[in-house]
Amino acid sequence: MAKPGQRNAITDVPGLKVGQSQDKDIATGVTVILPDERAVCAADVRGGGPGTRETDALQPETLVDAADAVVLSGGSSYGLAAADGVAAELGAARRGFELFPNPDIPVSPVVPAAILYDLANGGNKSWGDTPPYAALGRKAVTSVSLDVTEGKAGAGTGAMAGSLPGGIGTASVVTEDGYTVGAIVAVNCFGSVRIPGTGAFWAAPYEIDGEFGGIPMPAKTKFDPEDWGEAKFNPAAGANTTIAAVATDAMLSSADAKRVAQMASAGFARAIRPVFTPLDGDTVFALSTGRKKLAEPVAFTLARIGSMAADCLARAIARGVHAAGQR
């Protein structure tokens, strides 16, 4: 039986660390997923209002199939500058893509990123012509560790999950045959993460050991297709996006990672209602640290990895909101 890793975090995947920085006065922040070595990476963008960087470069048919880091940031379009700060730090350490290695030519760090909209969620955003995100990116990437703070931290600092406080959540699972899968997410969704009229999370069926409060799904719930519960706007009577990364130590090709990212997006739908709206920029990155070959039959093992990634992501969403509500 698969079970959570030691930390129940994406950093249980061997070869990954996470760094976070935040400015509580501004109510925003940055989360960086940093592999020990360049990692195969792909992206799946489902929301109708995405803000991303270098997702096109990660397509399976393109030259680049690996990333040096992945950035999740608050700040809407300003937040994309966080990746500039991360790229500057990595480039100075000569971490990046080189077509023809030459010490006299700078390397090109590949730093895909996604942003969420927290500009209207409180905090002093009067930064004039000096947005804080490049500096926050530098701070996050230079403070990576295996420990991940959940709730109001990093890219989740100014997040709102519907009408509830949002934040950073993470989760992991390790299989009996030794594969590790993890997820990290900044939850700033338009939709609701809880079932209307209850305290139960939509992700409750995937909860392990009471990790987000242990409130079970109600035995019987009257379902109204037009009742979105604690969404930012409820037609039954805000600015949004949930951004995430999933990761595994399984050895994936670029096309494999794309499939895992697509499957992992199902975790959004298991944990948020409504999801993938025109008002969200929902995006998932998938990373492979390539420590363990896919067992035969490869397609079946890949399906297992993708399924676990979706479950981990659903759990991470609920964990992030639960942690934000505890602070």
C-alpha atoms as a PDB file:
ATOM      1  CA  MET A   1       0.000   0.000   0.000  1.00  0.00           C
ATOM      2  CA  ALA A   2       1.315   3.447  -0.932  1.00  0.00           C
ATOM      3  CA  LYS A   3       1.745   5.929   1.917  1.00  0.00           C
ATOM      4  CA  PRO A   4       3.006   9.496   2.428  1.00  0.00           C
ATOM      5  CA  GLY A   5       6.741  10.073   2.492  1.00  0.00           C
ATOM      6  CA  GLN A   6       8.713  11.178   5.525  1.00  0.00           C
ATOM      7  CA  ARG A   7       7.749  14.850   5.205  1.00  0.00           C
ATOM      8  CA  ASN A   8       4.479  14.410   3.283  1.00  0.00           C
ATOM      9  CA  ALA A   9       5.898  17.019   0.932  1.00  0.00           C
ATOM     10  CA  ILE A  10       7.177  17.325  -2.613  1.00  0.00           C
ATOM     11  CA  THR A  11      10.696  17.282  -1.161  1.00  0.00           C
ATOM     12  CA  ASP A  12      10.234  13.589  -0.412  1.00  0.00           C
ATOM     13  CA  VAL A  13      11.032  13.159  -4.116  1.00  0.00           C
ATOM     14  CA  PRO A  14      14.794  12.534  -4.152  1.00  0.00           C
ATOM     15  CA  GLY A  15      16.676  15.360  -5.811  1.00  0.00           C
ATOM     16  CA  LEU A  16      14.258  18.216  -5.044  1.00  0.00           C
ATOM     17  CA  LYS A  17      14.320  21.140  -2.632  1.00  0.00           C
ATOM     18  CA  VAL A  18      11.927  24.051  -2.117  1.00  0.00           C
ATOM     19  CA  GLY A  19      12.666  27.665  -1.257  1.00  0.00           C
ATOM     20  CA  GLN A  20      10.107  30.278  -0.221  1.00  0.00           C
ATOM     21  CA  SER A  21      10.154  33.981   0.445  1.00  0.00           C
ATOM     22  CA  GLN A  22       7.388  36.378   1.359  1.00  0.00           C
ATOM     23  CA  ASP A  23       6.686  39.968   2.284  1.00  0.00           C
ATOM     24  CA  LYS A  24       3.912  40.035   4.867  1.00  0.00           C
ATOM     25  CA  ASP A  25       3.424  43.799   4.523  1.00  0.00           C
ATOM     26  CA  ILE A  26       2.816  43.487   0.789  1.00  0.00           C
ATOM     27  CA  ALA A  27       0.991  40.158   1.328  1.00  0.00           C
ATOM     28  CA  THR A  28       2.702  38.284  -1.470  1.00  0.00           C
ATOM     29  CA  GLY A  29       5.532  35.858  -2.040  1.00  0.00           C
ATOM     30  CA  VAL A  30       7.409  33.367  -4.174  1.00  0.00           C
ATOM     31  CA  THR A  31       7.911  29.597  -4.087  1.00  0.00           C
ATOM     32  CA  VAL A  32      10.769  27.924  -5.985  1.00  0.00           C
ATOM     33  CA  ILE A  33      11.112  24.218  -6.721  1.00  0.00           C
ATOM     34  CA  LEU A  34      14.811  23.546  -7.282  1.00  0.00           C
ATOM     35  CA  PRO A  35      16.130  20.194  -8.548  1.00  0.00           C
ATOM     36  CA  ASP A  36      19.674  19.182  -7.611  1.00  0.00           C
ATOM     37  CA  GLU A  37      20.303  18.739 -11.342  1.00  0.00           C
ATOM     38  CA  ARG A  38      18.363  19.824 -14.418  1.00  0.00           C
ATOM     39  CA  ALA A  39      15.074  17.923 -14.409  1.00  0.00           C
ATOM     40  CA  VAL A  40      12.777  16.885 -17.244  1.00  0.00           C
ATOM     41  CA  CYS A  41       9.802  19.235 -17.093  1.00  0.00           C
ATOM     42  CA  ALA A  42       6.449  19.754 -18.793  1.00  0.00           C
ATOM     43  CA  ALA A  43       3.424  21.970 -18.218  1.00  0.00           C
ATOM     44  CA  ASP A  44      -0.343  21.722 -18.538  1.00  0.00           C
ATOM     45  CA  VAL A  45      -2.342  24.964 -18.636  1.00  0.00           C
ATOM     46  CA  ARG A  46      -6.099  24.582 -18.088  1.00  0.00           C
ATOM     47  CA  GLY A  47      -7.322  27.926 -16.763  1.00  0.00           C
ATOM     48  CA  GLY A  48      -8.789  30.607 -19.005  1.00  0.00           C
ATOM     49  CA  GLY A  49      -6.611  33.434 -17.651  1.00  0.00           C
ATOM     50  CA  PRO A  50      -3.076  32.052 -17.291  1.00  0.00           C
ATOM     51  CA  GLY A  51       0.114  33.966 -16.612  1.00  0.00           C
ATOM     52  CA  THR A  52       3.125  31.815 -17.459  1.00  0.00           C
ATOM     53  CA  ARG A  53       6.738  31.856 -18.617  1.00  0.00           C
ATOM     54  CA  GLU A  54       8.529  29.317 -20.845  1.00  0.00           C
ATOM     55  CA  THR A  55       5.682  26.815 -21.013  1.00  0.00           C
ATOM     56  CA  ASP A  56       5.973  26.773 -24.824  1.00  0.00           C
ATOM     57  CA  ALA A  57       9.663  25.933 -24.522  1.00  0.00           C
ATOM     58  CA  LEU A  58       8.758  22.787 -22.567  1.00  0.00           C
ATOM     59  CA  GLN A  59       6.623  21.221 -25.302  1.00  0.00           C
ATOM     60  CA  PRO A  60       7.866  17.710 -26.232  1.00  0.00           C
ATOM     61  CA  GLU A  61       8.733  18.769 -29.798  1.00  0.00           C
ATOM     62  CA  THR A  62      10.999  21.658 -28.751  1.00  0.00           C
ATOM     63  CA  LEU A  63      14.744  21.816 -28.074  1.00  0.00           C
ATOM     64  CA  VAL A  64      14.515  22.228 -24.308  1.00  0.00           C
ATOM     65  CA  ASP A  65      13.167  19.303 -22.284  1.00  0.00           C
ATOM     66  CA  ALA A  66      14.513  20.107 -18.826  1.00  0.00           C
ATOM     67  CA  ALA A  67      14.234  22.922 -16.309  1.00  0.00           C
ATOM     68  CA  ASP A  68      16.719  24.347 -13.850  1.00  0.00           C
ATOM     69  CA  ALA A  69      13.968  25.514 -11.490  1.00  0.00           C
ATOM     70  CA  VAL A  70      10.216  26.111 -11.421  1.00  0.00           C
ATOM     71  CA  VAL A  71       8.766  29.286  -9.951  1.00  0.00           C
ATOM     72  CA  LEU A  72       5.301  29.866  -8.481  1.00  0.00           C
ATOM     73  CA  SER A  73       4.623  33.498  -7.609  1.00  0.00           C
ATOM     74  CA  GLY A  74       2.034  35.962  -6.471  1.00  0.00           C
ATOM     75  CA  GLY A  75       1.808  39.380  -8.041  1.00  0.00           C
ATOM     76  CA  SER A  76      -0.031  38.734 -11.297  1.00  0.00           C
ATOM     77  CA  SER A  77       2.092  39.856 -14.273  1.00  0.00           C
ATOM     78  CA  TYR A  78       4.570  41.569 -11.940  1.00  0.00           C
ATOM     79  CA  GLY A  79       5.265  38.180 -10.376  1.00  0.00           C
ATOM     80  CA  LEU A  80       6.801  36.782 -13.548  1.00  0.00           C
ATOM     81  CA  ALA A  81       9.869  38.851 -12.651  1.00  0.00           C
ATOM     82  CA  ALA A  82      10.516  36.406  -9.795  1.00  0.00           C
ATOM     83  CA  ALA A  83      11.878  34.017 -12.415  1.00  0.00           C
ATOM     84  CA  ASP A  84      14.342  36.728 -13.507  1.00  0.00           C
ATOM     85  CA  GLY A  85      15.797  36.784 -10.014  1.00  0.00           C
ATOM     86  CA  VAL A  86      15.990  32.999  -9.916  1.00  0.00           C
ATOM     87  CA  ALA A  87      17.604  32.865 -13.369  1.00  0.00           C
ATOM     88  CA  ALA A  88      20.184  35.463 -12.343  1.00  0.00           C
ATOM     89  CA  GLU A  89      21.218  33.427  -9.295  1.00  0.00           C
ATOM     90  CA  LEU A  90      21.381  30.178 -11.246  1.00  0.00           C
ATOM     91  CA  GLY A  91      23.243  31.740 -14.158  1.00  0.00           C
ATOM     92  CA  ALA A  92      25.864  33.142 -11.803  1.00  0.00           C
ATOM     93  CA  ALA A  93      26.394  29.581 -10.569  1.00  0.00           C
ATOM     94  CA  ARG A  94      26.580  28.387 -14.219  1.00  0.00           C
ATOM     95  CA  ARG A  95      23.413  26.353 -13.899  1.00  0.00           C
ATOM     96  CA  GLY A  96      21.543  26.374 -17.186  1.00  0.00           C
ATOM     97  CA  PHE A  97      21.282  25.213 -20.779  1.00  0.00           C
ATOM     98  CA  GLU A  98      24.400  25.197 -22.968  1.00  0.00           C
ATOM     99  CA  LEU A  99      24.245  24.154 -26.603  1.00  0.00           C
ATOM    100  CA  PHE A 100      28.028  24.532 -27.003  1.00  0.00           C
ATOM    101  CA  PRO A 101      29.729  24.792 -23.593  1.00  0.00           C
ATOM    102  CA  ASN A 102      32.041  27.791 -23.441  1.00  0.00           C
ATOM    103  CA  PRO A 103      33.161  29.416 -20.177  1.00  0.00           C
ATOM    104  CA  ASP A 104      33.137  32.831 -21.873  1.00  0.00           C
ATOM    105  CA  ILE A 105      29.448  32.576 -22.820  1.00  0.00           C
ATOM    106  CA  PRO A 106      26.739  32.803 -20.138  1.00  0.00           C
ATOM    107  CA  VAL A 107      24.542  29.745 -19.722  1.00  0.00           C
ATOM    108  CA  SER A 108      20.777  30.069 -20.216  1.00  0.00           C
ATOM    109  CA  PRO A 109      18.871  28.985 -17.091  1.00  0.00           C
ATOM    110  CA  VAL A 110      15.507  27.477 -17.991  1.00  0.00           C
ATOM    111  CA  VAL A 111      13.087  28.747 -15.347  1.00  0.00           C
ATOM    112  CA  PRO A 112       9.427  28.184 -16.220  1.00  0.00           C
ATOM    113  CA  ALA A 113       7.006  30.059 -14.009  1.00  0.00           C
ATOM    114  CA  ALA A 114       3.349  30.666 -13.289  1.00  0.00           C
ATOM    115  CA  ILE A 115       1.699  33.480 -11.383  1.00  0.00           C
ATOM    116  CA  LEU A 116      -1.497  34.009  -9.415  1.00  0.00           C
ATOM    117  CA  TYR A 117      -3.464  37.194  -8.889  1.00  0.00           C
ATOM    118  CA  ASP A 118      -3.191  38.489  -5.325  1.00  0.00           C
ATOM    119  CA  LEU A 119      -3.141  42.238  -6.074  1.00  0.00           C
ATOM    120  CA  ALA A 120      -6.628  42.762  -4.615  1.00  0.00           C
ATOM    121  CA  ASN A 121      -6.205  40.438  -1.634  1.00  0.00           C
ATOM    122  CA  GLY A 122      -4.866  42.994   0.831  1.00  0.00           C
ATOM    123  CA  GLY A 123      -1.393  44.238   1.677  1.00  0.00           C
ATOM    124  CA  ASN A 124       0.456  47.379   0.629  1.00  0.00           C
ATOM    125  CA  LYS A 125       0.955  47.105  -3.126  1.00  0.00           C
ATOM    126  CA  SER A 126       2.255  50.682  -3.507  1.00  0.00           C
ATOM    127  CA  TRP A 127       5.678  49.615  -4.790  1.00  0.00           C
ATOM    128  CA  GLY A 128       5.856  52.261  -7.510  1.00  0.00           C
ATOM    129  CA  ASP A 129       8.392  51.367 -10.178  1.00  0.00           C
ATOM    130  CA  THR A 130      10.141  48.746  -8.037  1.00  0.00           C
ATOM    131  CA  PRO A 131       8.008  45.598  -7.726  1.00  0.00           C
ATOM    132  CA  PRO A 132       9.527  43.169  -5.193  1.00  0.00           C
ATOM    133  CA  TYR A 133       9.394  39.960  -7.202  1.00  0.00           C
ATOM    134  CA  ALA A 134      12.908  39.683  -8.655  1.00  0.00           C
ATOM    135  CA  ALA A 135      14.304  40.172  -5.142  1.00  0.00           C
ATOM    136  CA  LEU A 136      11.825  37.691  -3.675  1.00  0.00           C
ATOM    137  CA  GLY A 137      12.843  35.172  -6.350  1.00  0.00           C
ATOM    138  CA  ARG A 138      16.515  35.566  -5.458  1.00  0.00           C
ATOM    139  CA  LYS A 139      15.735  35.143  -1.757  1.00  0.00           C
ATOM    140  CA  ALA A 140      13.627  32.027  -2.365  1.00  0.00           C
ATOM    141  CA  VAL A 141      16.158  30.209  -4.557  1.00  0.00           C
ATOM    142  CA  THR A 142      19.020  30.911  -2.148  1.00  0.00           C
ATOM    143  CA  SER A 143      17.079  29.564   0.841  1.00  0.00           C
ATOM    144  CA  VAL A 144      16.011  26.146  -0.430  1.00  0.00           C
ATOM    145  CA  SER A 145      15.664  23.216   1.953  1.00  0.00           C
ATOM    146  CA  LEU A 146      13.812  19.951   2.407  1.00  0.00           C
ATOM    147  CA  ASP A 147      11.304  21.569   4.776  1.00  0.00           C
ATOM    148  CA  VAL A 148       8.213  23.196   3.276  1.00  0.00           C
ATOM    149  CA  THR A 149       6.075  25.677   5.218  1.00  0.00           C
ATOM    150  CA  GLU A 150       2.385  25.341   4.351  1.00  0.00           C
ATOM    151  CA  GLY A 151      -0.394  27.909   4.574  1.00  0.00           C
ATOM    152  CA  LYS A 152       0.447  31.599   4.394  1.00  0.00           C
ATOM    153  CA  ALA A 153       3.927  31.261   2.930  1.00  0.00           C
ATOM    154  CA  GLY A 154       5.680  31.761  -0.382  1.00  0.00           C
ATOM    155  CA  ALA A 155       3.381  32.174  -3.366  1.00  0.00           C
ATOM    156  CA  GLY A 156       0.412  31.459  -1.097  1.00  0.00           C
ATOM    157  CA  THR A 157       1.024  34.424   1.217  1.00  0.00           C
ATOM    158  CA  GLY A 158      -1.709  36.598  -0.268  1.00  0.00           C
ATOM    159  CA  ALA A 159      -3.863  33.820  -1.682  1.00  0.00           C
ATOM    160  CA  MET A 160      -7.601  33.322  -1.220  1.00  0.00           C
ATOM    161  CA  ALA A 161      -9.344  30.001  -1.863  1.00  0.00           C
ATOM    162  CA  GLY A 162     -12.767  31.206  -2.879  1.00  0.00           C
ATOM    163  CA  SER A 163     -13.857  33.186   0.178  1.00  0.00           C
ATOM    164  CA  LEU A 164     -11.477  31.291   2.495  1.00  0.00           C
ATOM    165  CA  PRO A 165      -7.792  32.009   3.178  1.00  0.00           C
ATOM    166  CA  GLY A 166      -5.673  30.181   0.620  1.00  0.00           C
ATOM    167  CA  GLY A 167      -2.031  29.220   0.791  1.00  0.00           C
ATOM    168  CA  ILE A 168       0.718  26.733   0.039  1.00  0.00           C
ATOM    169  CA  GLY A 169      -0.017  23.036   0.359  1.00  0.00           C
ATOM    170  CA  THR A 170       2.127  20.002  -0.307  1.00  0.00           C
ATOM    171  CA  ALA A 171       1.776  16.211  -0.139  1.00  0.00           C
ATOM    172  CA  SER A 172       3.554  13.046  -1.215  1.00  0.00           C
ATOM    173  CA  VAL A 173       3.161   9.317  -1.612  1.00  0.00           C
ATOM    174  CA  VAL A 174       5.656   6.454  -1.818  1.00  0.00           C
ATOM    175  CA  THR A 175       4.689   3.174  -3.445  1.00  0.00           C
ATOM    176  CA  GLU A 176       5.627  -0.292  -2.250  1.00  0.00           C
ATOM    177  CA  ASP A 177       7.856  -0.725  -5.293  1.00  0.00           C
ATOM    178  CA  GLY A 178       9.747   2.475  -4.511  1.00  0.00           C
ATOM    179  CA  TYR A 179       8.362   5.292  -6.646  1.00  0.00           C
ATOM    180  CA  THR A 180       7.880   8.670  -4.990  1.00  0.00           C
ATOM    181  CA  VAL A 181       5.360  11.245  -6.193  1.00  0.00           C
ATOM    182  CA  GLY A 182       4.801  14.673  -4.666  1.00  0.00           C
ATOM    183  CA  ALA A 183       2.896  17.899  -5.246  1.00  0.00           C
ATOM    184  CA  ILE A 184       3.081  21.514  -4.159  1.00  0.00           C
ATOM    185  CA  VAL A 185       0.400  24.099  -4.868  1.00  0.00           C
ATOM    186  CA  ALA A 186      -0.473  27.737  -4.262  1.00  0.00           C
ATOM    187  CA  VAL A 187      -4.255  27.811  -3.840  1.00  0.00           C
ATOM    188  CA  ASN A 188      -5.875  31.052  -4.964  1.00  0.00           C
ATOM    189  CA  CYS A 189      -8.920  29.601  -6.713  1.00  0.00           C
ATOM    190  CA  PHE A 190     -12.150  31.248  -7.813  1.00  0.00           C
ATOM    191  CA  GLY A 191     -14.072  28.134  -6.775  1.00  0.00           C
ATOM    192  CA  SER A 192     -14.756  26.553  -3.406  1.00  0.00           C
ATOM    193  CA  VAL A 193     -12.659  23.816  -1.820  1.00  0.00           C
ATOM    194  CA  ARG A 194     -15.425  22.757   0.590  1.00  0.00           C
ATOM    195  CA  ILE A 195     -18.803  21.136   0.049  1.00  0.00           C
ATOM    196  CA  PRO A 196     -21.592  23.715   0.475  1.00  0.00           C
ATOM    197  CA  GLY A 197     -23.176  23.663   3.923  1.00  0.00           C
ATOM    198  CA  THR A 198     -20.468  21.449   5.426  1.00  0.00           C
ATOM    199  CA  GLY A 199     -16.914  21.712   6.695  1.00  0.00           C
ATOM    200  CA  ALA A 200     -15.806  18.839   4.482  1.00  0.00           C
ATOM    201  CA  PHE A 201     -13.307  19.338   1.685  1.00  0.00           C
ATOM    202  CA  TRP A 202     -14.167  18.130  -1.806  1.00  0.00           C
ATOM    203  CA  ALA A 203     -10.827  16.286  -1.573  1.00  0.00           C
ATOM    204  CA  ALA A 204     -11.954  14.332   1.524  1.00  0.00           C
ATOM    205  CA  PRO A 205     -12.000  10.912  -0.243  1.00  0.00           C
ATOM    206  CA  TYR A 206      -8.249  11.264  -0.879  1.00  0.00           C
ATOM    207  CA  GLU A 207      -7.266  12.343   2.644  1.00  0.00           C
ATOM    208  CA  ILE A 208      -4.670  10.235   4.462  1.00  0.00           C
ATOM    209  CA  ASP A 209      -4.519  10.052   8.276  1.00  0.00           C
ATOM    210  CA  GLY A 210      -6.598  13.179   8.894  1.00  0.00           C
ATOM    211  CA  GLU A 211      -4.010  15.394   7.199  1.00  0.00           C
ATOM    212  CA  PHE A 212      -6.479  18.231   6.568  1.00  0.00           C
ATOM    213  CA  GLY A 213      -8.796  17.935   9.529  1.00  0.00           C
ATOM    214  CA  GLY A 214     -10.379  14.516   9.057  1.00  0.00           C
ATOM    215  CA  ILE A 215     -13.890  15.813   8.316  1.00  0.00           C
ATOM    216  CA  PRO A 216     -15.569  13.029   6.310  1.00  0.00           C
ATOM    217  CA  MET A 217     -17.749  13.494   3.258  1.00  0.00           C
ATOM    218  CA  PRO A 218     -21.382  13.759   4.392  1.00  0.00           C
ATOM    219  CA  ALA A 219     -23.319  10.536   3.870  1.00  0.00           C
ATOM    220  CA  LYS A 220     -25.948  12.371   1.877  1.00  0.00           C
ATOM    221  CA  THR A 221     -25.753  15.849   0.419  1.00  0.00           C
ATOM    222  CA  LYS A 222     -28.398  17.731  -1.505  1.00  0.00           C
ATOM    223  CA  PHE A 223     -26.627  18.781  -4.673  1.00  0.00           C
ATOM    224  CA  ASP A 224     -27.455  22.035  -6.438  1.00  0.00           C
ATOM    225  CA  PRO A 225     -25.509  22.504  -9.685  1.00  0.00           C
ATOM    226  CA  GLU A 226     -25.715  26.269  -9.209  1.00  0.00           C
ATOM    227  CA  ASP A 227     -24.515  26.316  -5.594  1.00  0.00           C
ATOM    228  CA  TRP A 228     -20.781  26.933  -5.538  1.00  0.00           C
ATOM    229  CA  GLY A 229     -20.604  27.274  -1.760  1.00  0.00           C
ATOM    230  CA  GLU A 230     -17.627  29.364  -0.641  1.00  0.00           C
ATOM    231  CA  ALA A 231     -16.540  30.425  -4.114  1.00  0.00           C
ATOM    232  CA  LYS A 232     -15.602  34.068  -4.615  1.00  0.00           C
ATOM    233  CA  PHE A 233     -18.940  34.564  -6.342  1.00  0.00           C
ATOM    234  CA  ASN A 234     -21.878  32.213  -5.880  1.00  0.00           C
ATOM    235  CA  PRO A 235     -24.658  32.308  -8.493  1.00  0.00           C
ATOM    236  CA  ALA A 236     -26.944  30.564  -6.022  1.00  0.00           C
ATOM    237  CA  ALA A 237     -26.762  33.160  -3.458  1.00  0.00           C
ATOM    238  CA  GLY A 238     -13.079  37.960  -7.071  1.00  0.00           C
ATOM    239  CA  ALA A 239      -9.331  37.315  -9.385  1.00  0.00           C
ATOM    240  CA  ASN A 240      -7.852  33.942  -9.082  1.00  0.00           C
ATOM    241  CA  THR A 241      -5.610  31.018 -10.088  1.00  0.00           C
ATOM    242  CA  THR A 242      -4.251  27.809  -8.625  1.00  0.00           C
ATOM    243  CA  ILE A 243      -0.691  27.016  -9.672  1.00  0.00           C
ATOM    244  CA  ALA A 244       1.149  23.824  -8.870  1.00  0.00           C
ATOM    245  CA  ALA A 245       4.017  21.476  -9.527  1.00  0.00           C
ATOM    246  CA  VAL A 246       4.032  17.698  -9.252  1.00  0.00           C
ATOM    247  CA  ALA A 247       7.190  15.638  -9.258  1.00  0.00           C
ATOM    248  CA  THR A 248       8.448  12.075  -9.291  1.00  0.00           C
ATOM    249  CA  ASP A 249      11.720  10.209  -9.129  1.00  0.00           C
ATOM    250  CA  ALA A 250      10.514   8.016 -12.000  1.00  0.00           C
ATOM    251  CA  MET A 251      12.541   8.444 -15.187  1.00  0.00           C
ATOM    252  CA  LEU A 252      10.253  10.289 -17.612  1.00  0.00           C
ATOM    253  CA  SER A 253      10.697  11.570 -21.126  1.00  0.00           C
ATOM    254  CA  SER A 254       9.399  15.019 -22.022  1.00  0.00           C
ATOM    255  CA  ALA A 255       6.259  13.434 -23.512  1.00  0.00           C
ATOM    256  CA  ASP A 256       5.816  11.286 -20.389  1.00  0.00           C
ATOM    257  CA  ALA A 257       6.082  14.368 -18.175  1.00  0.00           C
ATOM    258  CA  LYS A 258       3.467  16.120 -20.306  1.00  0.00           C
ATOM    259  CA  ARG A 259       1.077  13.205 -19.785  1.00  0.00           C
ATOM    260  CA  VAL A 260       1.709  13.269 -16.019  1.00  0.00           C
ATOM    261  CA  ALA A 261       1.018  17.025 -15.934  1.00  0.00           C
ATOM    262  CA  GLN A 262      -2.243  16.475 -17.833  1.00  0.00           C
ATOM    263  CA  MET A 263      -3.311  13.676 -15.514  1.00  0.00           C
ATOM    264  CA  ALA A 264      -2.310  15.678 -12.447  1.00  0.00           C
ATOM    265  CA  SER A 265      -4.668  18.478 -13.490  1.00  0.00           C
ATOM    266  CA  ALA A 266      -7.488  16.124 -12.511  1.00  0.00           C
ATOM    267  CA  GLY A 267      -6.436  16.855  -8.920  1.00  0.00           C
ATOM    268  CA  PHE A 268      -7.753  20.389  -9.358  1.00  0.00           C
ATOM    269  CA  ALA A 269     -11.152  19.041 -10.360  1.00  0.00           C
ATOM    270  CA  ARG A 270     -11.216  16.681  -7.370  1.00  0.00           C
ATOM    271  CA  ALA A 271     -10.574  19.513  -4.913  1.00  0.00           C
ATOM    272  CA  ILE A 272     -12.113  22.724  -6.323  1.00  0.00           C
ATOM    273  CA  ARG A 273     -15.556  23.584  -7.683  1.00  0.00           C
ATOM    274  CA  PRO A 274     -15.895  25.193 -10.193  1.00  0.00           C
ATOM    275  CA  VAL A 275     -12.442  24.791 -11.740  1.00  0.00           C
ATOM    276  CA  PHE A 276     -10.617  25.769 -14.954  1.00  0.00           C
ATOM    277  CA  THR A 277     -12.907  28.779 -15.255  1.00  0.00           C
ATOM    278  CA  PRO A 278     -12.316  31.754 -17.569  1.00  0.00           C
ATOM    279  CA  LEU A 279     -11.325  33.607 -14.388  1.00  0.00           C
ATOM    280  CA  ASP A 280      -8.544  31.205 -13.335  1.00  0.00           C
ATOM    281  CA  GLY A 281      -5.053  30.605 -14.694  1.00  0.00           C
ATOM    282  CA  ASP A 282      -4.765  27.028 -13.434  1.00  0.00           C
ATOM    283  CA  THR A 283      -1.381  25.556 -14.381  1.00  0.00           C
ATOM    284  CA  VAL A 284       0.513  22.393 -13.413  1.00  0.00           C
ATOM    285  CA  PHE A 285       4.195  21.691 -13.985  1.00  0.00           C
ATOM    286  CA  ALA A 286       5.488  18.108 -13.871  1.00  0.00           C
ATOM    287  CA  LEU A 287       9.107  17.369 -12.949  1.00  0.00           C
ATOM    288  CA  SER A 288      11.123  14.159 -13.135  1.00  0.00           C
ATOM    289  CA  THR A 289      14.390  13.729 -11.251  1.00  0.00           C
ATOM    290  CA  GLY A 290      14.966  10.458 -13.130  1.00  0.00           C
ATOM    291  CA  ARG A 291      16.259   8.319 -10.287  1.00  0.00           C
ATOM    292  CA  LYS A 292      14.203   5.166 -11.047  1.00  0.00           C
ATOM    293  CA  LYS A 293      13.325   3.555 -14.384  1.00  0.00           C
ATOM    294  CA  LEU A 294       9.703   2.973 -15.301  1.00  0.00           C
ATOM    295  CA  ALA A 295       8.862  -0.684 -14.771  1.00  0.00           C
ATOM    296  CA  GLU A 296       7.368  -2.746 -17.578  1.00  0.00           C
ATOM    297  CA  PRO A 297       4.806  -2.339 -18.931  1.00  0.00           C
ATOM    298  CA  VAL A 298       5.912   1.293 -19.139  1.00  0.00           C
ATOM    299  CA  ALA A 299       2.501   2.694 -20.106  1.00  0.00           C
ATOM    300  CA  PHE A 300       0.880   1.117 -17.063  1.00  0.00           C
ATOM    301  CA  THR A 301       3.542   2.440 -14.675  1.00  0.00           C
ATOM    302  CA  LEU A 302       3.214   5.890 -16.224  1.00  0.00           C
ATOM    303  CA  ALA A 303      -0.538   5.712 -15.631  1.00  0.00           C
ATOM    304  CA  ARG A 304       0.122   4.902 -11.973  1.00  0.00           C
ATOM    305  CA  ILE A 305       2.459   7.883 -11.626  1.00  0.00           C
ATOM    306  CA  GLY A 306      -0.073  10.247 -13.212  1.00  0.00           C
ATOM    307  CA  SER A 307      -2.910   8.941 -11.067  1.00  0.00           C
ATOM    308  CA  MET A 308      -0.912   9.383  -7.868  1.00  0.00           C
ATOM    309  CA  ALA A 309       0.115  12.872  -8.976  1.00  0.00           C
ATOM    310  CA  ALA A 310      -3.558  13.841  -9.295  1.00  0.00           C
ATOM    311  CA  ASP A 311      -4.356  12.419  -5.856  1.00  0.00           C
ATOM    312  CA  CYS A 312      -1.354  14.197  -4.293  1.00  0.00           C
ATOM    313  CA  LEU A 313      -2.397  17.467  -5.878  1.00  0.00           C
ATOM    314  CA  ALA A 314      -5.965  17.164  -4.558  1.00  0.00           C
ATOM    315  CA  ARG A 315      -4.601  16.474  -1.071  1.00  0.00           C
ATOM    316  CA  ALA A 316      -2.113  19.345  -1.318  1.00  0.00           C
ATOM    317  CA  ILE A 317      -4.914  21.786  -2.219  1.00  0.00           C
ATOM    318  CA  ALA A 318      -6.926  20.842   0.865  1.00  0.00           C
ATOM    319  CA  ARG A 319      -3.809  20.808   3.050  1.00  0.00           C
ATOM    320  CA  GLY A 320      -2.882  24.312   1.915  1.00  0.00           C
ATOM    321  CA  VAL A 321      -6.283  25.783   2.733  1.00  0.00           C
ATOM    322  CA  HIS A 322      -6.469  23.864   6.013  1.00  0.00           C
ATOM    323  CA  ALA A 323      -3.023  25.152   7.029  1.00  0.00           C
ATOM    324  CA  ALA A 324      -3.921  28.725   6.055  1.00  0.00           C
ATOM    325  CA  GLY A 325      -6.995  28.559   8.279  1.00  0.00           C
ATOM    326  CA  GLN A 326      -4.939  27.390  11.252  1.00  0.00           C
ATOM    327  CA  ARG A 327      -2.718  30.495  11.296  1.00  0.00           C
END
